[in-house]
C-alpha atoms as a PDB file:
ATOM      1  CA  MET A   1     -22.036 -15.921  -9.740  1.00  0.00           C
ATOM      2  CA  ASN A   2     -19.722 -18.351  -7.770  1.00  0.00           C
ATOM      3  CA  LEU A   3     -20.088 -18.202  -3.839  1.00  0.00           C
ATOM      4  CA  ASP A   4     -17.119 -18.708  -1.523  1.00  0.00           C
ATOM      5  CA  GLU A   5     -17.286 -20.843   1.697  1.00  0.00           C
ATOM      6  CA  PHE A   6     -17.216 -18.514   4.638  1.00  0.00           C
ATOM      7  CA  ARG A   7     -15.518 -21.003   6.963  1.00  0.00           C
ATOM      8  CA  THR A   8     -12.668 -21.633   4.437  1.00  0.00           C
ATOM      9  CA  ILE A   9     -11.969 -17.922   3.710  1.00  0.00           C
ATOM     10  CA  ILE A  10     -11.764 -16.853   7.476  1.00  0.00           C
ATOM     11  CA  SER A  11      -9.469 -19.622   8.348  1.00  0.00           C
ATOM     12  CA  THR A  12      -6.755 -17.910   6.409  1.00  0.00           C
ATOM     13  CA  TYR A  13      -6.890 -14.499   8.247  1.00  0.00           C
ATOM     14  CA  LYS A  14      -5.660 -13.322  11.652  1.00  0.00           C
ATOM     15  CA  VAL A  15      -8.245 -10.656  12.114  1.00  0.00           C
ATOM     16  CA  ILE A  16     -11.692 -10.509  10.968  1.00  0.00           C
ATOM     17  CA  PHE A  17     -13.710  -7.080  10.698  1.00  0.00           C
ATOM     18  CA  PHE A  18     -17.387  -7.412  10.762  1.00  0.00           C
ATOM     19  CA  ASP A  19     -20.020  -5.022   9.964  1.00  0.00           C
ATOM     20  CA  ALA A  20     -23.041  -5.409  12.228  1.00  0.00           C
ATOM     21  CA  TYR A  21     -26.319  -4.808  10.737  1.00  0.00           C
ATOM     22  CA  GLY A  22     -27.038  -7.143   7.894  1.00  0.00           C
ATOM     23  CA  VAL A  23     -23.966  -9.296   8.822  1.00  0.00           C
ATOM     24  CA  LEU A  24     -24.512 -10.459  12.535  1.00  0.00           C
ATOM     25  CA  LYS A  25     -28.109  -9.300  12.981  1.00  0.00           C
ATOM     26  CA  ASN A  26     -31.188  -7.857  11.227  1.00  0.00           C
ATOM     27  CA  HIS A  27     -34.553  -6.477  12.085  1.00  0.00           C
ATOM     28  CA  LYS A  28     -35.609  -9.929  13.279  1.00  0.00           C
ATOM     29  CA  GLY A  29     -32.437 -10.454  15.731  1.00  0.00           C
ATOM     30  CA  LEU A  30     -29.367 -12.463  15.069  1.00  0.00           C
ATOM     31  CA  ILE A  31     -28.746 -13.952  11.669  1.00  0.00           C
ATOM     32  CA  PRO A  32     -29.540 -17.631  12.411  1.00  0.00           C
ATOM     33  CA  GLY A  33     -26.430 -19.606  13.179  1.00  0.00           C
ATOM     34  CA  ILE A  34     -24.221 -16.706  13.564  1.00  0.00           C
ATOM     35  CA  GLU A  35     -23.293 -17.760  17.131  1.00  0.00           C
ATOM     36  CA  ASN A  36     -21.435 -20.685  15.660  1.00  0.00           C
ATOM     37  CA  THR A  37     -19.214 -18.179  13.786  1.00  0.00           C
ATOM     38  CA  PHE A  38     -17.967 -16.784  17.207  1.00  0.00           C
ATOM     39  CA  GLN A  39     -17.616 -20.058  18.610  1.00  0.00           C
ATOM     40  CA  TYR A  40     -15.462 -21.202  15.595  1.00  0.00           C
ATOM     41  CA  LEU A  41     -13.305 -17.891  15.886  1.00  0.00           C
ATOM     42  CA  LYS A  42     -12.685 -18.580  19.509  1.00  0.00           C
ATOM     43  CA  GLU A  43     -11.730 -22.239  18.873  1.00  0.00           C
ATOM     44  CA  GLN A  44      -9.262 -21.086  15.998  1.00  0.00           C
ATOM     45  CA  HIS A  45      -7.867 -18.114  17.898  1.00  0.00           C
ATOM     46  CA  ILE A  46      -8.783 -15.651  15.292  1.00  0.00           C
ATOM     47  CA  ASP A  47      -9.308 -12.301  16.565  1.00  0.00           C
ATOM     48  CA  TYR A  48     -12.448 -10.238  15.582  1.00  0.00           C
ATOM     49  CA  TYR A  49     -13.872  -6.918  15.801  1.00  0.00           C
ATOM     50  CA  ILE A  50     -17.093  -5.181  14.776  1.00  0.00           C
ATOM     51  CA  LEU A  51     -16.646  -1.965  12.921  1.00  0.00           C
ATOM     52  CA  THR A  52     -19.957  -0.289  13.100  1.00  0.00           C
ATOM     53  CA  ASN A  53     -21.584   3.136  11.961  1.00  0.00           C
ATOM     54  CA  ASP A  54     -23.899   2.861  14.965  1.00  0.00           C
ATOM     55  CA  ALA A  55     -23.261   5.568  17.458  1.00  0.00           C
ATOM     56  CA  SER A  56     -26.938   5.278  18.949  1.00  0.00           C
ATOM     57  CA  ARG A  57     -25.210   3.481  22.100  1.00  0.00           C
ATOM     58  CA  SER A  58     -21.675   3.003  23.761  1.00  0.00           C
ATOM     59  CA  PRO A  59     -19.642  -0.123  22.853  1.00  0.00           C
ATOM     60  CA  LEU A  60     -20.469  -1.382  26.405  1.00  0.00           C
ATOM     61  CA  GLN A  61     -24.265  -0.947  25.592  1.00  0.00           C
ATOM     62  CA  LEU A  62     -23.887  -2.653  22.183  1.00  0.00           C
ATOM     63  CA  ALA A  63     -22.068  -5.519  23.578  1.00  0.00           C
ATOM     64  CA  GLU A  64     -24.704  -6.019  26.047  1.00  0.00           C
ATOM     65  CA  SER A  65     -27.233  -6.109  23.225  1.00  0.00           C
ATOM     66  CA  TYR A  66     -25.524  -9.132  21.875  1.00  0.00           C
ATOM     67  CA  HIS A  67     -25.398 -10.790  25.121  1.00  0.00           C
ATOM     68  CA  ARG A  68     -29.146 -10.423  25.419  1.00  0.00           C
ATOM     69  CA  LEU A  69     -29.383 -12.138  22.020  1.00  0.00           C
ATOM     70  CA  GLY A  70     -27.205 -14.998  23.152  1.00  0.00           C
ATOM     71  CA  VAL A  71     -23.779 -14.098  21.730  1.00  0.00           C
ATOM     72  CA  SER A  72     -21.633 -13.815  24.966  1.00  0.00           C
ATOM     73  CA  GLU A  73     -18.273 -13.792  23.127  1.00  0.00           C
ATOM     74  CA  ILE A  74     -18.732 -10.210  21.944  1.00  0.00           C
ATOM     75  CA  LYS A  75     -17.292  -7.883  24.371  1.00  0.00           C
ATOM     76  CA  ALA A  76     -17.099  -3.947  24.514  1.00  0.00           C
ATOM     77  CA  GLU A  77     -13.518  -4.098  23.451  1.00  0.00           C
ATOM     78  CA  HIS A  78     -14.520  -5.990  20.411  1.00  0.00           C
ATOM     79  CA  ILE A  79     -16.709  -3.153  19.202  1.00  0.00           C
ATOM     80  CA  ILE A  80     -15.157  -0.101  17.295  1.00  0.00           C
ATOM     81  CA  SER A  81     -17.981   2.542  16.601  1.00  0.00           C
ATOM     82  CA  SER A  82     -17.734   5.629  14.568  1.00  0.00           C
ATOM     83  CA  GLY A  83     -18.914   7.405  17.540  1.00  0.00           C
ATOM     84  CA  LEU A  84     -15.535   6.707  19.093  1.00  0.00           C
ATOM     85  CA  LEU A  85     -14.080   8.790  16.439  1.00  0.00           C
ATOM     86  CA  ALA A  86     -16.393  11.682  17.100  1.00  0.00           C
ATOM     87  CA  GLN A  87     -15.441  11.513  20.636  1.00  0.00           C
ATOM     88  CA  GLU A  88     -11.809  11.655  19.775  1.00  0.00           C
ATOM     89  CA  PHE A  89     -12.353  14.542  17.623  1.00  0.00           C
ATOM     90  CA  LEU A  90     -14.291  16.480  20.196  1.00  0.00           C
ATOM     91  CA  THR A  91     -11.757  15.743  22.905  1.00  0.00           C
ATOM     92  CA  GLN A  92      -8.836  16.982  20.700  1.00  0.00           C
ATOM     93  CA  LYS A  93     -10.405  19.889  18.651  1.00  0.00           C
ATOM     94  CA  VAL A  94     -13.230  21.283  20.900  1.00  0.00           C
ATOM     95  CA  ARG A  95     -11.699  20.094  24.333  1.00  0.00           C
ATOM     96  CA  ARG A  96     -14.429  21.710  26.502  1.00  0.00           C
ATOM     97  CA  GLY A  97     -17.764  23.366  26.588  1.00  0.00           C
ATOM     98  CA  THR A  98     -21.279  22.566  25.411  1.00  0.00           C
ATOM     99  CA  VAL A  99     -21.831  20.377  22.357  1.00  0.00           C
ATOM    100  CA  ALA A 100     -25.399  20.092  21.041  1.00  0.00           C
ATOM    101  CA  TYR A 101     -26.451  16.793  19.646  1.00  0.00           C
ATOM    102  CA  LEU A 102     -29.184  15.177  17.605  1.00  0.00           C
ATOM    103  CA  GLY A 103     -29.928  11.638  19.182  1.00  0.00           C
ATOM    104  CA  THR A 104     -30.870   9.848  22.321  1.00  0.00           C
ATOM    105  CA  PRO A 105     -29.504  10.175  25.780  1.00  0.00           C
ATOM    106  CA  ASP A 106     -27.575   6.886  25.196  1.00  0.00           C
ATOM    107  CA  SER A 107     -25.909   8.176  22.204  1.00  0.00           C
ATOM    108  CA  ALA A 108     -24.820  11.171  24.143  1.00  0.00           C
ATOM    109  CA  SER A 109     -22.185   8.935  26.066  1.00  0.00           C
ATOM    110  CA  TYR A 110     -19.892   9.760  23.172  1.00  0.00           C
ATOM    111  CA  ILE A 111     -19.884  13.457  24.222  1.00  0.00           C
ATOM    112  CA  ASP A 112     -19.907  13.164  27.912  1.00  0.00           C
ATOM    113  CA  THR A 113     -16.259  13.236  28.483  1.00  0.00           C
ATOM    114  CA  GLY A 114     -16.024  15.329  31.711  1.00  0.00           C
ATOM    115  CA  THR A 115     -14.840  18.619  29.949  1.00  0.00           C
ATOM    116  CA  LEU A 116     -17.678  18.512  27.451  1.00  0.00           C
ATOM    117  CA  THR A 117     -21.308  18.910  28.376  1.00  0.00           C
ATOM    118  CA  PRO A 118     -23.955  17.390  25.800  1.00  0.00           C
ATOM    119  CA  LEU A 119     -26.959  19.453  25.246  1.00  0.00           C
ATOM    120  CA  PRO A 120     -29.830  17.756  23.173  1.00  0.00           C
ATOM    121  CA  ILE A 121     -31.205  20.015  20.435  1.00  0.00           C
ATOM    122  CA  SER A 122     -34.672  19.559  21.998  1.00  0.00           C
ATOM    123  CA  GLU A 123     -33.421  21.633  25.146  1.00  0.00           C
ATOM    124  CA  LEU A 124     -31.527  24.131  23.063  1.00  0.00           C
ATOM    125  CA  ASP A 125     -32.635  27.710  23.522  1.00  0.00           C
ATOM    126  CA  ILE A 126     -31.912  29.245  20.025  1.00  0.00           C
ATOM    127  CA  ASP A 127     -31.910  32.729  21.301  1.00  0.00           C
ATOM    128  CA  ASP A 128     -29.267  31.719  23.831  1.00  0.00           C
ATOM    129  CA  CYS A 129     -26.896  29.542  21.944  1.00  0.00           C
ATOM    130  CA  ASP A 130     -23.491  31.525  21.985  1.00  0.00           C
ATOM    131  CA  HIS A 131     -22.179  28.796  24.463  1.00  0.00           C
ATOM    132  CA  VAL A 132     -22.500  25.939  21.952  1.00  0.00           C
ATOM    133  CA  GLU A 133     -19.014  25.040  20.664  1.00  0.00           C
ATOM    134  CA  ALA A 134     -19.941  21.981  18.403  1.00  0.00           C
ATOM    135  CA  LEU A 135     -22.903  19.940  16.810  1.00  0.00           C
ATOM    136  CA  VAL A 136     -22.791  16.221  16.555  1.00  0.00           C
ATOM    137  CA  PHE A 137     -25.258  13.986  14.569  1.00  0.00           C
ATOM    138  CA  LEU A 138     -25.485  10.708  16.516  1.00  0.00           C
ATOM    139  CA  ASP A 139     -28.796   8.958  15.936  1.00  0.00           C
ATOM    140  CA  ASP A 140     -32.093   9.308  14.023  1.00  0.00           C
ATOM    141  CA  GLU A 141     -34.178   9.035  17.379  1.00  0.00           C
ATOM    142  CA  GLY A 142     -34.752  11.186  20.368  1.00  0.00           C
ATOM    143  CA  PHE A 143     -35.853  14.562  18.792  1.00  0.00           C
ATOM    144  CA  ASP A 144     -38.576  16.032  17.045  1.00  0.00           C
ATOM    145  CA  TRP A 145     -37.953  15.797  13.138  1.00  0.00           C
ATOM    146  CA  LYS A 146     -39.829  19.121  12.467  1.00  0.00           C
ATOM    147  CA  THR A 147     -39.171  21.344  15.391  1.00  0.00           C
ATOM    148  CA  ASP A 148     -35.648  20.191  16.174  1.00  0.00           C
ATOM    149  CA  LEU A 149     -34.345  19.989  12.765  1.00  0.00           C
ATOM    150  CA  ASN A 150     -35.447  23.652  12.114  1.00  0.00           C
ATOM    151  CA  LYS A 151     -33.707  24.557  15.362  1.00  0.00           C
ATOM    152  CA  THR A 152     -30.624  22.741  14.038  1.00  0.00           C
ATOM    153  CA  ILE A 153     -30.551  24.842  10.887  1.00  0.00           C
ATOM    154  CA  ASN A 154     -31.125  27.986  12.860  1.00  0.00           C
ATOM    155  CA  LEU A 155     -28.184  27.075  15.220  1.00  0.00           C
ATOM    156  CA  LEU A 156     -25.863  26.789  12.208  1.00  0.00           C
ATOM    157  CA  ARG A 157     -26.988  30.046  10.827  1.00  0.00           C
ATOM    158  CA  LYS A 158     -25.995  31.656  14.004  1.00  0.00           C
ATOM    159  CA  ARG A 159     -22.917  29.774  15.011  1.00  0.00           C
ATOM    160  CA  ASN A 160     -19.799  28.997  12.971  1.00  0.00           C
ATOM    161  CA  ILE A 161     -19.100  25.717  14.680  1.00  0.00           C
ATOM    162  CA  PRO A 162     -17.644  22.443  13.654  1.00  0.00           C
ATOM    163  CA  VAL A 163     -20.544  19.788  12.861  1.00  0.00           C
ATOM    164  CA  ILE A 164     -19.613  16.128  13.061  1.00  0.00           C
ATOM    165  CA  VAL A 165     -21.456  13.428  11.580  1.00  0.00           C
ATOM    166  CA  SER A 166     -20.790  10.253  13.602  1.00  0.00           C
ATOM    167  CA  ASN A 167     -22.965   7.896  11.371  1.00  0.00           C
ATOM    168  CA  THR A 168     -22.628   8.427   7.624  1.00  0.00           C
ATOM    169  CA  ASP A 169     -25.492   5.834   6.757  1.00  0.00           C
ATOM    170  CA  ALA A 170     -28.186   7.485   4.667  1.00  0.00           C
ATOM    171  CA  THR A 171     -30.667   4.776   5.316  1.00  0.00           C
ATOM    172  CA  TYR A 172     -31.186   1.464   7.320  1.00  0.00           C
ATOM    173  CA  PRO A 173     -33.384  -1.643   6.744  1.00  0.00           C
ATOM    174  CA  VAL A 174     -36.351  -2.146   8.800  1.00  0.00           C
ATOM    175  CA  SER A 175     -37.713  -4.997   6.937  1.00  0.00           C
ATOM    176  CA  LYS A 176     -36.596  -7.189   3.933  1.00  0.00           C
ATOM    177  CA  ASN A 177     -38.064  -4.622   1.580  1.00  0.00           C
ATOM    178  CA  GLN A 178     -38.211  -1.406   3.475  1.00  0.00           C
ATOM    179  CA  VAL A 179     -35.657   1.208   4.596  1.00  0.00           C
ATOM    180  CA  ALA A 180     -35.816   4.143   7.065  1.00  0.00           C
ATOM    181  CA  MET A 181     -33.822   7.244   6.866  1.00  0.00           C
ATOM    182  CA  ALA A 182     -30.640   7.188   9.011  1.00  0.00           C
ATOM    183  CA  ILE A 183     -28.912  10.177  10.844  1.00  0.00           C
ATOM    184  CA  GLY A 184     -26.384  10.377   7.864  1.00  0.00           C
ATOM    185  CA  GLY A 185     -29.223  11.110   5.396  1.00  0.00           C
ATOM    186  CA  ILE A 186     -30.527  13.717   7.794  1.00  0.00           C
ATOM    187  CA  ALA A 187     -27.261  15.401   8.099  1.00  0.00           C
ATOM    188  CA  LYS A 188     -26.827  15.462   4.255  1.00  0.00           C
ATOM    189  CA  MET A 189     -30.271  17.265   4.086  1.00  0.00           C
ATOM    190  CA  ILE A 190     -29.215  19.811   6.756  1.00  0.00           C
ATOM    191  CA  GLU A 191     -25.744  20.213   5.134  1.00  0.00           C
ATOM    192  CA  ASN A 192     -27.337  21.226   1.784  1.00  0.00           C
ATOM    193  CA  SER A 193     -29.806  23.509   3.538  1.00  0.00           C
ATOM    194  CA  VAL A 194     -27.120  25.592   5.370  1.00  0.00           C
ATOM    195  CA  GLY A 195     -24.503  25.322   2.668  1.00  0.00           C
ATOM    196  CA  LYS A 196     -21.683  24.234   5.008  1.00  0.00           C
ATOM    197  CA  GLN A 197     -19.403  21.123   5.018  1.00  0.00           C
ATOM    198  CA  PHE A 198     -19.823  18.698   7.833  1.00  0.00           C
ATOM    199  CA  ILE A 199     -16.968  16.375   9.250  1.00  0.00           C
ATOM    200  CA  ARG A 200     -17.881  12.627   8.651  1.00  0.00           C
ATOM    201  CA  PHE A 201     -16.834   9.493  10.411  1.00  0.00           C
ATOM    202  CA  GLY A 202     -17.760   6.018   9.673  1.00  0.00           C
ATOM    203  CA  LYS A 203     -17.534   3.744   6.617  1.00  0.00           C
ATOM    204  CA  PRO A 204     -16.557   4.013   3.935  1.00  0.00           C
ATOM    205  CA  GLU A 205     -14.318   6.938   5.278  1.00  0.00           C
ATOM    206  CA  THR A 206     -10.929   5.513   5.831  1.00  0.00           C
ATOM    207  CA  GLN A 207     -10.699   7.046   9.431  1.00  0.00           C
ATOM    208  CA  LEU A 208     -12.596   4.226  10.944  1.00  0.00           C
ATOM    209  CA  PHE A 209     -10.384   1.694   9.376  1.00  0.00           C
ATOM    210  CA  ILE A 210      -7.261   3.556  10.481  1.00  0.00           C
ATOM    211  CA  TYR A 211      -8.549   3.706  14.071  1.00  0.00           C
ATOM    212  CA  ALA A 212      -9.262   0.116  14.119  1.00  0.00           C
ATOM    213  CA  TYR A 213      -5.900  -0.779  12.425  1.00  0.00           C
ATOM    214  CA  ASP A 214      -3.945   1.255  14.951  1.00  0.00           C
ATOM    215  CA  TYR A 215      -5.804  -0.157  17.943  1.00  0.00           C
ATOM    216  CA  ILE A 216      -5.162  -3.810  16.833  1.00  0.00           C
ATOM    217  CA  ARG A 217      -1.626  -3.053  16.132  1.00  0.00           C
ATOM    218  CA  SER A 218      -1.162  -1.768  19.752  1.00  0.00           C
ATOM    219  CA  ILE A 219      -2.268  -5.264  20.912  1.00  0.00           C
ATOM    220  CA  GLN A 220      -0.613  -7.621  18.525  1.00  0.00           C
ATOM    221  CA  PRO A 221       1.502  -7.359  15.390  1.00  0.00           C
ATOM    222  CA  VAL A 222      -0.722  -7.779  12.159  1.00  0.00           C
ATOM    223  CA  MET A 223      -0.540  -6.620   8.556  1.00  0.00           C
ATOM    224  CA  LYS A 224      -3.379  -5.432   6.349  1.00  0.00           C
ATOM    225  CA  HIS A 225      -3.266  -8.613   4.201  1.00  0.00           C
ATOM    226  CA  GLU A 226      -4.061 -10.642   7.363  1.00  0.00           C
ATOM    227  CA  ILE A 227      -7.312  -8.683   7.969  1.00  0.00           C
ATOM    228  CA  LEU A 228     -10.626  -9.452   6.217  1.00  0.00           C
ATOM    229  CA  MET A 229     -13.575  -7.027   6.077  1.00  0.00           C
ATOM    230  CA  VAL A 230     -16.941  -8.671   6.003  1.00  0.00           C
ATOM    231  CA  GLY A 231     -19.955  -6.652   5.155  1.00  0.00           C
ATOM    232  CA  ASP A 232     -23.326  -6.606   3.431  1.00  0.00           C
ATOM    233  CA  THR A 233     -23.182  -3.141   1.678  1.00  0.00           C
ATOM    234  CA  LEU A 234     -21.008  -2.326  -1.245  1.00  0.00           C
ATOM    235  CA  HIS A 235     -20.826   1.366  -0.849  1.00  0.00           C
ATOM    236  CA  THR A 236     -19.760   1.362   2.820  1.00  0.00           C
ATOM    237  CA  ASP A 237     -18.281  -1.999   4.058  1.00  0.00           C
ATOM    238  CA  ILE A 238     -16.734  -3.135   0.781  1.00  0.00           C
ATOM    239  CA  LEU A 239     -15.676   0.164  -0.652  1.00  0.00           C
ATOM    240  CA  GLY A 240     -14.271   1.231   2.730  1.00  0.00           C
ATOM    241  CA  GLY A 241     -12.282  -1.981   3.148  1.00  0.00           C
ATOM    242  CA  ASN A 242     -11.054  -1.913  -0.368  1.00  0.00           C
ATOM    243  CA  LYS A 243      -9.884   1.839  -0.270  1.00  0.00           C
ATOM    244  CA  PHE A 244      -7.979   0.679   3.039  1.00  0.00           C
ATOM    245  CA  GLY A 245      -6.259  -2.098   1.228  1.00  0.00           C
ATOM    246  CA  LEU A 246      -8.078  -4.756   3.004  1.00  0.00           C
ATOM    247  CA  ASP A 247      -9.617  -7.949   1.434  1.00  0.00           C
ATOM    248  CA  THR A 248     -13.339  -7.928   1.723  1.00  0.00           C
ATOM    249  CA  ALA A 249     -16.148 -10.307   1.799  1.00  0.00           C
ATOM    250  CA  LEU A 250     -19.732  -9.520   0.631  1.00  0.00           C
ATOM    251  CA  VAL A 251     -22.363 -11.364   2.448  1.00  0.00           C
ATOM    252  CA  LEU A 252     -25.887 -11.656   0.990  1.00  0.00           C
ATOM    253  CA  THR A 253     -27.898 -11.419   4.129  1.00  0.00           C
ATOM    254  CA  GLY A 254     -28.519  -7.718   4.238  1.00  0.00           C
ATOM    255  CA  ASN A 255     -28.485  -4.600   1.755  1.00  0.00           C
ATOM    256  CA  THR A 256     -27.212  -6.922  -0.948  1.00  0.00           C
ATOM    257  CA  GLN A 257     -29.401  -9.681  -2.014  1.00  0.00           C
ATOM    258  CA  ALA A 258     -28.435 -12.845  -3.980  1.00  0.00           C
ATOM    259  CA  GLU A 259     -30.753 -11.943  -6.894  1.00  0.00           C
ATOM    260  CA  ASP A 260     -29.170  -8.556  -7.739  1.00  0.00           C
ATOM    261  CA  ALA A 261     -25.616  -8.848  -6.188  1.00  0.00           C
ATOM    262  CA  ALA A 262     -23.807  -9.374  -9.583  1.00  0.00           C
ATOM    263  CA  ALA A 263     -25.836  -6.524 -11.081  1.00  0.00           C
ATOM    264  CA  ARG A 264     -24.789  -4.152  -8.291  1.00  0.00           C
ATOM    265  CA  ILE A 265     -21.123  -5.124  -8.377  1.00  0.00           C
ATOM    266  CA  SER A 266     -21.049  -4.607 -12.028  1.00  0.00           C
ATOM    267  CA  SER A 267     -22.779  -1.318 -11.984  1.00  0.00           C
ATOM    268  CA  SER A 268     -20.918   0.268  -9.082  1.00  0.00           C
ATOM    269  CA  GLY A 269     -17.465  -1.114  -9.914  1.00  0.00           C
ATOM    270  CA  ILE A 270     -16.947  -1.963  -6.392  1.00  0.00           C
ATOM    271  CA  ILE A 271     -15.439  -5.571  -6.214  1.00  0.00           C
ATOM    272  CA  PRO A 272     -15.366  -7.765  -3.288  1.00  0.00           C
ATOM    273  CA  THR A 273     -12.437 -10.131  -2.803  1.00  0.00           C
ATOM    274  CA  TYR A 274     -15.251 -12.805  -1.874  1.00  0.00           C
ATOM    275  CA  ILE A 275     -18.879 -13.341  -1.990  1.00  0.00           C
ATOM    276  CA  CYS A 276     -20.475 -15.618   0.556  1.00  0.00           C
ATOM    277  CA  GLU A 277     -24.036 -16.524   1.168  1.00  0.00           C
ATOM    278  CA  SER A 278     -23.620 -15.523   4.747  1.00  0.00           C
ATOM    279  CA  ALA A 279     -20.988 -15.007   7.575  1.00  0.00           C
ATOM    280  CA  VAL A 280     -22.353 -18.079   9.240  1.00  0.00           C
ATOM    281  CA  VAL A 281     -19.822 -20.957   9.913  1.00  0.00           C
ATOM    282  CA  THR A 282     -21.361 -24.296   9.454  1.00  0.00           C
ATOM    283  CA  TYR A 283     -19.750 -27.420  11.173  1.00  0.00           C
END
């Protein structure tokens, strides 16, 4: 398997889309040297955005987390979260009322629009839920996995309401060799239990790419062939980018490791345009 040089690749594009976890950071913190990449992008006047399925915090809070790690170049306007699509859906389709959610208080920022009132499942009275107009899966923390998941199932048995999954990830890595269940996996379990179909946002669904593409084109003229999607996961980052018609770069610092990358690509049929050791630019 031949590896491409990341610096050479990105120099040919106007805009770079990055996944976050496994590309820019991992369970230890920043991928070593990734700050060089953002310095290089700044020097070369190449725009960049982080397309993330992380709806646990607002774009401002996510940007601040990078600042604390030492990457000041990443601003809130550089972060396009699947939570923004959930927010847009709620604003356009639900408009007003109470929206129950699974997640932390920080994640509820995507619901608290002024006309919508977020209600954590933990505070829901299942015998008084007729005022709940929608349910959103935001984060795998902030609730009791037994009591509140059972309450969620019973809410959906009582109320025929839209259910939005803002993070489609089934799992996320907590170390090099272990993963934990993400909110997307929890949502799939609940979906199977109640026999209803939920609305999903986030990679590999094309809505996140459409949202990002429209946002960028409102700022500058750019075509799809001028954008590169960089990710560590074949079934989300690379598949999503491929489906939307973007060039894609698989990096081997996250879910896909060098020793099994070729086998995974072959078995999945998901073929990246490039394969790179990492998203780190070396000088």
